[in-house]
Amino acid sequence: MEEEEIEERGHLQHVVNLSNDLFQLHLRLINSPDEGDYHQLYQSGALLEAELRQKGSEEDNLVSLFLAAIYGVWLLGLKKVQISDDTRQAVEQMSSLLALLSKYYAQVEAGEKELPE
């Protein structure tokens, strides 16, 4: 982190690159008619995305936005701040979407799944 001069704020370049790759896959998946499972999961995620953006998030893509939100809730938990059931449910929805996206990314990287056009 010192090498990349992000000791106080920011992400390692590797994390930024991976987040961008996942976001590009996300865009391809939501534009592909053959990805019904992903579309269904994304519908609930789209509502969360809009809500987080209304709250003023500076993250520029869905993956970064959800990772930052999950991290923020995790930090609140470390501080023993009470987490509402709605927030807990939102984290589960975001986590489910990111898990499926990560699974597809791993499959694409391993040559087991074709990238949607």
Protein backbone atom coordinates (compact mmCIF):
# COMPACT_ATOMS: atom_id res chain seq x y z
CA MET A 1 0.00 0.00 0.00
CA GLU A 2 2.93 2.30 0.66
CA GLU A 3 4.30 1.55 -2.80
CA GLU A 4 1.02 2.61 -4.40
CA GLU A 5 0.66 5.53 -1.96
CA ILE A 6 -2.74 4.48 -0.67
CA GLU A 7 -2.03 4.07 3.04
CA GLU A 8 -5.07 6.11 4.09
CA ARG A 9 -7.56 5.77 1.26
CA GLY A 10 -7.94 3.79 -1.93
CA HIS A 11 -7.53 0.30 -3.29
CA LEU A 12 -4.58 -1.67 -4.57
CA GLN A 13 -4.38 -1.53 -8.35
CA HIS A 14 -4.88 -5.30 -8.52
CA VAL A 15 -8.20 -4.92 -6.68
CA VAL A 16 -9.26 -2.05 -8.97
CA ASN A 17 -8.42 -4.12 -12.06
CA LEU A 18 -10.30 -7.16 -10.79
CA SER A 19 -13.31 -5.04 -9.84
CA ASN A 20 -13.34 -3.52 -13.33
CA ASP A 21 -13.08 -6.97 -14.95
CA LEU A 22 -16.00 -8.22 -12.84
CA PHE A 23 -18.01 -5.14 -13.76
CA GLN A 24 -17.36 -5.70 -17.46
CA LEU A 25 -18.59 -9.29 -17.08
CA HIS A 26 -21.63 -7.97 -15.21
CA LEU A 27 -22.47 -5.68 -18.13
CA ARG A 28 -22.18 -8.56 -20.57
CA LEU A 29 -24.35 -10.79 -18.41
CA ILE A 30 -27.17 -8.28 -18.01
CA ASN A 31 -27.16 -7.68 -21.76
CA SER A 32 -27.28 -11.40 -22.58
CA PRO A 33 -30.73 -12.98 -22.99
CA ASP A 34 -29.29 -16.39 -22.03
CA GLU A 35 -28.42 -15.44 -18.45
CA GLY A 36 -31.81 -15.65 -16.74
CA ASP A 37 -30.42 -16.65 -13.33
CA TYR A 38 -28.15 -13.64 -13.28
CA HIS A 39 -30.91 -11.30 -14.52
CA GLN A 40 -33.22 -12.47 -11.75
CA LEU A 41 -30.61 -11.94 -9.05
CA TYR A 42 -29.66 -8.57 -10.52
CA GLN A 43 -33.24 -7.26 -10.33
CA SER A 44 -33.06 -7.10 -6.53
CA GLY A 45 -29.52 -5.78 -6.75
CA ALA A 46 -30.60 -2.94 -9.04
CA LEU A 47 -32.87 -1.57 -6.33
CA LEU A 48 -30.01 -1.68 -3.82
CA GLU A 49 -27.69 -0.03 -6.32
CA ALA A 50 -30.11 2.86 -6.79
CA GLU A 51 -30.55 3.26 -3.04
CA LEU A 52 -26.80 3.30 -2.40
CA ARG A 53 -26.24 5.85 -5.18
CA GLN A 54 -28.95 8.09 -3.71
CA LYS A 55 -27.03 8.03 -0.44
CA GLY A 56 -24.09 9.58 -2.25
CA SER A 57 -21.69 6.71 -2.91
CA GLU A 58 -18.68 7.72 -4.98
CA GLU A 59 -18.05 4.23 -6.35
CA ASP A 60 -18.21 4.16 -10.14
CA ASN A 61 -19.42 0.63 -10.81
CA LEU A 62 -21.78 -1.91 -9.30
CA VAL A 63 -19.04 -4.27 -8.10
CA SER A 64 -17.08 -1.52 -6.34
CA LEU A 65 -20.30 -0.11 -4.92
CA PHE A 66 -21.40 -3.43 -3.43
CA LEU A 67 -17.93 -4.27 -2.11
CA ALA A 68 -17.71 -0.87 -0.39
CA ALA A 69 -21.17 -1.30 1.13
CA ILE A 70 -20.42 -4.79 2.43
CA TYR A 71 -17.10 -3.59 3.83
CA GLY A 72 -18.84 -0.66 5.54
CA VAL A 73 -21.35 -2.96 7.21
CA TRP A 74 -18.52 -5.27 8.25
CA LEU A 75 -16.71 -2.33 9.88
CA LEU A 76 -19.90 -1.37 11.72
CA GLY A 77 -20.11 -4.92 13.03
CA LEU A 78 -16.52 -4.70 14.29
CA LYS A 79 -17.49 -1.53 16.16
CA LYS A 80 -20.41 -3.44 17.72
CA VAL A 81 -22.93 -1.16 16.00
CA GLN A 82 -26.39 -2.75 15.77
CA ILE A 83 -27.14 -3.80 12.18
CA SER A 84 -30.81 -3.74 11.15
CA ASP A 85 -32.49 -6.75 9.60
CA ASP A 86 -33.03 -4.75 6.40
CA THR A 87 -29.32 -3.98 6.17
CA ARG A 88 -28.45 -7.61 6.87
CA GLN A 89 -30.82 -8.70 4.11
CA ALA A 90 -29.34 -6.14 1.70
CA VAL A 91 -25.83 -7.45 2.42
CA GLU A 92 -27.04 -10.99 1.69
CA GLN A 93 -28.51 -9.86 -1.65
CA MET A 94 -25.33 -8.02 -2.62
CA SER A 95 -23.20 -10.97 -1.53
CA SER A 96 -25.31 -13.41 -3.55
CA LEU A 97 -24.97 -11.32 -6.69
CA LEU A 98 -21.21 -10.94 -6.23
CA ALA A 99 -20.85 -14.67 -5.51
CA LEU A 100 -22.61 -15.64 -8.74
CA LEU A 101 -20.64 -13.05 -10.68
CA SER A 102 -17.39 -14.39 -9.18
CA LYS A 103 -18.39 -17.96 -10.04
CA TYR A 104 -19.02 -16.98 -13.66
CA TYR A 105 -15.75 -15.04 -13.77
CA ALA A 106 -13.82 -18.08 -12.52
CA GLN A 107 -15.55 -20.26 -15.11
CA VAL A 108 -14.68 -17.82 -17.90
CA GLU A 109 -11.06 -17.66 -16.72
CA ALA A 110 -10.87 -21.48 -16.63
CA GLY A 111 -12.36 -21.74 -20.13
CA GLU A 112 -15.48 -23.50 -18.80
CA LYS A 113 -17.89 -20.71 -19.78
CA GLU A 114 -18.04 -18.52 -22.85
CA LEU A 115 -18.21 -14.77 -22.39
CA PRO A 116 -21.64 -13.52 -23.40
CA GLU A 117 -21.47 -11.22 -26.43
